[in-house]
Amino acid sequence: MDIIMIVSVIYVIPGCIMGCITDSMNRKKGYNGGFSWGFFLGIIGIIVVACRPFNNANTINRTIVTQQRSMADEIAKYKQLLDSGAITEEEYEAKKKQILGL
């Protein structure tokens, strides 16, 4: 029983701490996961994750999705104004083209 406690204190607990650190660092850089880097490699895993470049593809994809949502929200807002009679069909179409960049 004492051996199990010693092994868990020496290897498992620090491994979990290192794993959480590398997972957090990896996610901030735009990658998924990373727990195993720290759990199995310890300090070396932290160094490896710290040296990884930022994943710009995820950042660009998030920006595009946000822009698409905001464009859709703007068009929906003008559609509500059209439905309530606050603007004409021509004004709605002009705003829609402006928002979509047509």
N, C-alpha and C. Protein backbone atom coordinates (compact mmCIF):
# COMPACT_ATOMS: atom_id res chain seq x y z
N MET A 1 0.83 -1.19 0.00
CA MET A 1 0.00 0.00 0.00
C MET A 1 0.87 1.26 0.00
N ASP A 2 1.97 1.21 0.72
CA ASP A 2 2.86 2.36 0.78
C ASP A 2 3.49 2.65 -0.57
N ILE A 3 3.79 1.61 -1.34
CA ILE A 3 4.41 1.79 -2.65
C ILE A 3 3.44 2.52 -3.58
N ILE A 4 2.17 2.16 -3.54
CA ILE A 4 1.17 2.80 -4.41
C ILE A 4 1.07 4.29 -4.08
N MET A 5 1.09 4.62 -2.82
CA MET A 5 1.02 6.02 -2.41
C MET A 5 2.25 6.79 -2.87
N ILE A 6 3.40 6.17 -2.73
CA ILE A 6 4.64 6.83 -3.14
C ILE A 6 4.65 7.06 -4.65
N VAL A 7 4.25 6.04 -5.41
CA VAL A 7 4.23 6.16 -6.87
C VAL A 7 3.25 7.24 -7.30
N SER A 8 2.07 7.29 -6.68
CA SER A 8 1.08 8.29 -7.07
C SER A 8 1.55 9.71 -6.73
N VAL A 9 2.22 9.86 -5.61
CA VAL A 9 2.71 11.19 -5.23
C VAL A 9 3.86 11.62 -6.13
N ILE A 10 4.77 10.69 -6.44
CA ILE A 10 5.96 11.04 -7.21
C ILE A 10 5.68 11.20 -8.70
N TYR A 11 4.80 10.36 -9.27
CA TYR A 11 4.62 10.36 -10.72
C TYR A 11 3.26 10.88 -11.20
N VAL A 12 2.20 10.42 -10.60
CA VAL A 12 0.86 10.72 -11.13
C VAL A 12 0.45 12.16 -10.84
N ILE A 13 0.58 12.62 -9.64
CA ILE A 13 0.12 13.97 -9.31
C ILE A 13 0.91 15.03 -10.07
N PRO A 14 2.25 14.99 -10.08
CA PRO A 14 2.96 15.98 -10.91
C PRO A 14 2.66 15.84 -12.40
N GLY A 15 2.43 14.59 -12.85
CA GLY A 15 2.07 14.38 -14.25
C GLY A 15 0.76 15.06 -14.60
N CYS A 16 -0.21 14.96 -13.70
CA CYS A 16 -1.50 15.63 -13.93
C CYS A 16 -1.34 17.15 -13.94
N ILE A 17 -0.53 17.66 -13.06
CA ILE A 17 -0.29 19.11 -13.02
C ILE A 17 0.38 19.58 -14.31
N MET A 18 1.42 18.87 -14.74
CA MET A 18 2.10 19.22 -15.99
C MET A 18 1.16 19.08 -17.19
N GLY A 19 0.33 18.04 -17.16
CA GLY A 19 -0.63 17.83 -18.24
C GLY A 19 -1.62 18.98 -18.34
N CYS A 20 -2.10 19.46 -17.21
CA CYS A 20 -3.04 20.59 -17.22
C CYS A 20 -2.35 21.86 -17.74
N ILE A 21 -1.11 22.04 -17.38
CA ILE A 21 -0.37 23.22 -17.85
C ILE A 21 -0.20 23.17 -19.36
N THR A 22 0.24 22.02 -19.89
CA THR A 22 0.45 21.93 -21.35
C THR A 22 -0.87 22.01 -22.11
N ASP A 23 -1.93 21.44 -21.55
CA ASP A 23 -3.24 21.51 -22.20
C ASP A 23 -3.70 22.96 -22.31
N SER A 24 -3.54 23.72 -21.25
CA SER A 24 -3.92 25.13 -21.25
C SER A 24 -3.09 25.93 -22.25
N MET A 25 -1.78 25.68 -22.26
CA MET A 25 -0.91 26.40 -23.20
C MET A 25 -1.28 26.07 -24.64
N ASN A 26 -1.56 24.80 -24.90
CA ASN A 26 -1.91 24.36 -26.25
C ASN A 26 -3.20 25.01 -26.73
N ARG A 27 -4.20 25.08 -25.86
CA ARG A 27 -5.49 25.67 -26.24
C ARG A 27 -5.36 27.17 -26.50
N LYS A 28 -4.52 27.85 -25.75
CA LYS A 28 -4.31 29.28 -25.98
C LYS A 28 -3.65 29.53 -27.33
N LYS A 29 -2.91 28.55 -27.82
CA LYS A 29 -2.24 28.69 -29.11
C LYS A 29 -3.12 28.23 -30.26
N GLY A 30 -4.32 27.76 -29.97
CA GLY A 30 -5.26 27.38 -31.02
C GLY A 30 -5.29 25.91 -31.35
N TYR A 31 -4.67 25.07 -30.54
CA TYR A 31 -4.68 23.63 -30.76
C TYR A 31 -5.60 22.96 -29.75
N ASN A 32 -6.09 21.78 -30.09
CA ASN A 32 -6.91 21.01 -29.16
C ASN A 32 -6.03 20.06 -28.37
N GLY A 33 -6.37 19.88 -27.11
CA GLY A 33 -5.66 18.91 -26.28
C GLY A 33 -4.26 19.33 -25.89
N GLY A 34 -3.47 18.36 -25.49
CA GLY A 34 -2.10 18.63 -25.09
C GLY A 34 -1.79 18.10 -23.71
N PHE A 35 -2.80 17.50 -23.06
CA PHE A 35 -2.59 16.98 -21.72
C PHE A 35 -1.50 15.91 -21.70
N SER A 36 -1.51 15.03 -22.69
CA SER A 36 -0.56 13.92 -22.69
C SER A 36 0.89 14.40 -22.82
N TRP A 37 1.10 15.53 -23.50
CA TRP A 37 2.46 16.07 -23.61
C TRP A 37 3.05 16.30 -22.21
N GLY A 38 2.30 16.95 -21.37
CA GLY A 38 2.80 17.24 -20.03
C GLY A 38 2.79 16.04 -19.11
N PHE A 39 1.76 15.21 -19.25
CA PHE A 39 1.64 14.05 -18.35
C PHE A 39 2.80 13.09 -18.56
N PHE A 40 3.11 12.78 -19.82
CA PHE A 40 4.13 11.78 -20.08
C PHE A 40 5.55 12.36 -20.18
N LEU A 41 5.67 13.61 -20.62
CA LEU A 41 7.00 14.18 -20.83
C LEU A 41 7.42 15.21 -19.78
N GLY A 42 6.48 15.68 -18.97
CA GLY A 42 6.80 16.63 -17.91
C GLY A 42 7.31 17.96 -18.43
N ILE A 43 8.45 18.41 -17.92
CA ILE A 43 9.03 19.69 -18.30
C ILE A 43 9.33 19.74 -19.80
N ILE A 44 9.77 18.63 -20.36
CA ILE A 44 10.06 18.58 -21.80
C ILE A 44 8.78 18.84 -22.59
N GLY A 45 7.66 18.29 -22.14
CA GLY A 45 6.38 18.54 -22.80
C GLY A 45 5.99 20.00 -22.76
N ILE A 46 6.23 20.67 -21.64
CA ILE A 46 5.94 22.10 -21.52
C ILE A 46 6.81 22.88 -22.50
N ILE A 47 8.08 22.52 -22.61
CA ILE A 47 8.99 23.20 -23.54
C ILE A 47 8.54 22.99 -24.97
N VAL A 48 8.15 21.76 -25.32
CA VAL A 48 7.69 21.47 -26.68
C VAL A 48 6.45 22.30 -27.01
N VAL A 49 5.49 22.33 -26.12
CA VAL A 49 4.26 23.09 -26.36
C VAL A 49 4.56 24.59 -26.42
N ALA A 50 5.46 25.07 -25.58
CA ALA A 50 5.81 26.49 -25.59
C ALA A 50 6.47 26.90 -26.90
N CYS A 51 7.17 25.97 -27.54
CA CYS A 51 7.86 26.28 -28.80
C CYS A 51 6.95 26.16 -30.03
N ARG A 52 5.77 25.61 -29.86
CA ARG A 52 4.86 25.45 -31.00
C ARG A 52 4.37 26.83 -31.46
N PRO A 53 4.22 27.01 -32.77
CA PRO A 53 3.70 28.28 -33.27
C PRO A 53 2.19 28.37 -33.01
N PHE A 54 1.68 29.58 -33.05
CA PHE A 54 0.24 29.77 -32.93
C PHE A 54 -0.45 29.22 -34.15
N ASN A 55 -1.60 28.60 -33.95
CA ASN A 55 -2.38 28.02 -35.05
C ASN A 55 -3.32 29.09 -35.58
N ASN A 56 -2.87 29.83 -36.58
CA ASN A 56 -3.66 30.94 -37.12
C ASN A 56 -4.89 30.49 -37.86
N ALA A 57 -4.92 29.25 -38.33
CA ALA A 57 -6.08 28.76 -39.08
C ALA A 57 -7.32 28.80 -38.20
N ASN A 58 -7.21 28.38 -36.93
CA ASN A 58 -8.36 28.42 -36.04
C ASN A 58 -8.79 29.86 -35.76
N THR A 59 -7.84 30.76 -35.60
CA THR A 59 -8.15 32.15 -35.35
C THR A 59 -8.87 32.77 -36.54
N ILE A 60 -8.39 32.48 -37.74
CA ILE A 60 -9.02 33.01 -38.95
C ILE A 60 -10.42 32.45 -39.09
N ASN A 61 -10.61 31.15 -38.84
CA ASN A 61 -11.94 30.55 -38.94
C ASN A 61 -12.91 31.16 -37.95
N ARG A 62 -12.46 31.42 -36.73
CA ARG A 62 -13.33 32.04 -35.74
C ARG A 62 -13.72 33.46 -36.17
N THR A 63 -12.78 34.20 -36.76
CA THR A 63 -13.07 35.55 -37.22
C THR A 63 -14.09 35.54 -38.34
N ILE A 64 -13.96 34.61 -39.28
CA ILE A 64 -14.89 34.52 -40.39
C ILE A 64 -16.29 34.18 -39.88
N VAL A 65 -16.39 33.23 -38.96
CA VAL A 65 -17.69 32.85 -38.42
C VAL A 65 -18.32 34.03 -37.70
N THR A 66 -17.54 34.77 -36.93
CA THR A 66 -18.06 35.94 -36.22
C THR A 66 -18.57 36.99 -37.20
N GLN A 67 -17.81 37.24 -38.27
CA GLN A 67 -18.24 38.21 -39.26
C GLN A 67 -19.52 37.75 -39.95
N GLN A 68 -19.64 36.46 -40.25
CA GLN A 68 -20.84 35.96 -40.89
C GLN A 68 -22.04 36.10 -39.97
N ARG A 69 -21.85 35.84 -38.68
CA ARG A 69 -22.95 35.99 -37.73
C ARG A 69 -23.39 37.45 -37.64
N SER A 70 -22.43 38.36 -37.58
CA SER A 70 -22.79 39.77 -37.45
C SER A 70 -23.48 40.26 -38.71
N MET A 71 -23.06 39.77 -39.89
CA MET A 71 -23.74 40.15 -41.13
C MET A 71 -25.17 39.63 -41.14
N ALA A 72 -25.35 38.40 -40.72
CA ALA A 72 -26.69 37.82 -40.66
C ALA A 72 -27.56 38.57 -39.66
N ASP A 73 -26.98 38.95 -38.54
CA ASP A 73 -27.74 39.72 -37.53
C ASP A 73 -28.18 41.07 -38.09
N GLU A 74 -27.28 41.74 -38.83
CA GLU A 74 -27.62 43.03 -39.43
C GLU A 74 -28.75 42.89 -40.44
N ILE A 75 -28.65 41.87 -41.29
CA ILE A 75 -29.70 41.66 -42.29
C ILE A 75 -31.03 41.35 -41.60
N ALA A 76 -31.00 40.53 -40.55
CA ALA A 76 -32.23 40.21 -39.81
C ALA A 76 -32.83 41.46 -39.18
N LYS A 77 -31.97 42.34 -38.69
CA LYS A 77 -32.47 43.59 -38.08
C LYS A 77 -33.21 44.43 -39.12
N TYR A 78 -32.61 44.54 -40.33
CA TYR A 78 -33.28 45.32 -41.37
C TYR A 78 -34.53 44.63 -41.89
N LYS A 79 -34.55 43.29 -41.85
CA LYS A 79 -35.75 42.55 -42.25
C LYS A 79 -36.88 42.84 -41.28
N GLN A 80 -36.58 42.93 -40.00
CA GLN A 80 -37.60 43.28 -39.02
C GLN A 80 -38.13 44.68 -39.25
N LEU A 81 -37.23 45.60 -39.59
CA LEU A 81 -37.67 46.96 -39.90
C LEU A 81 -38.57 46.97 -41.13
N LEU A 82 -38.24 46.17 -42.12
CA LEU A 82 -39.06 46.07 -43.33
C LEU A 82 -40.43 45.49 -42.98
N ASP A 83 -40.44 44.42 -42.19
CA ASP A 83 -41.71 43.78 -41.82
C ASP A 83 -42.60 44.70 -40.98
N SER A 84 -41.98 45.56 -40.19
CA SER A 84 -42.78 46.48 -39.36
C SER A 84 -43.21 47.72 -40.15
N GLY A 85 -42.67 47.88 -41.36
CA GLY A 85 -43.06 49.02 -42.20
C GLY A 85 -42.22 50.26 -41.97
N ALA A 86 -41.14 50.14 -41.20
CA ALA A 86 -40.30 51.30 -40.90
C ALA A 86 -39.43 51.69 -42.11
N ILE A 87 -39.09 50.72 -42.97
CA ILE A 87 -38.32 51.01 -44.18
C ILE A 87 -39.01 50.35 -45.37
N THR A 88 -38.67 50.83 -46.56
CA THR A 88 -39.27 50.27 -47.78
C THR A 88 -38.47 49.08 -48.27
N GLU A 89 -39.04 48.37 -49.23
CA GLU A 89 -38.37 47.22 -49.84
C GLU A 89 -37.05 47.64 -50.49
N GLU A 90 -37.05 48.80 -51.14
CA GLU A 90 -35.86 49.29 -51.82
C GLU A 90 -34.74 49.60 -50.81
N GLU A 91 -35.12 50.22 -49.68
CA GLU A 91 -34.12 50.53 -48.65
C GLU A 91 -33.54 49.23 -48.06
N TYR A 92 -34.42 48.24 -47.86
CA TYR A 92 -33.97 46.95 -47.33
C TYR A 92 -32.98 46.28 -48.29
N GLU A 93 -33.33 46.25 -49.57
CA GLU A 93 -32.45 45.62 -50.57
C GLU A 93 -31.11 46.35 -50.67
N ALA A 94 -31.14 47.69 -50.60
CA ALA A 94 -29.91 48.48 -50.67
C ALA A 94 -29.02 48.18 -49.47
N LYS A 95 -29.60 48.10 -48.27
CA LYS A 95 -28.83 47.80 -47.07
C LYS A 95 -28.27 46.39 -47.12
N LYS A 96 -29.06 45.45 -47.60
CA LYS A 96 -28.62 44.07 -47.70
C LYS A 96 -27.42 43.94 -48.64
N LYS A 97 -27.50 44.63 -49.77
CA LYS A 97 -26.37 44.62 -50.71
C LYS A 97 -25.13 45.28 -50.10
N GLN A 98 -25.35 46.37 -49.36
CA GLN A 98 -24.24 47.04 -48.70
C GLN A 98 -23.57 46.12 -47.67
N ILE A 99 -24.37 45.43 -46.88
CA ILE A 99 -23.83 44.53 -45.84
C ILE A 99 -23.07 43.36 -46.47
N LEU A 100 -23.63 42.82 -47.55
CA LEU A 100 -23.01 41.66 -48.21
C LEU A 100 -21.86 42.07 -49.13
N GLY A 101 -21.71 43.37 -49.36
CA GLY A 101 -20.62 43.86 -50.19
C GLY A 101 -20.85 43.61 -51.69
N LEU A 102 -22.09 43.60 -52.08
CA LEU A 102 -22.43 43.36 -53.50
C LEU A 102 -22.55 44.66 -54.26
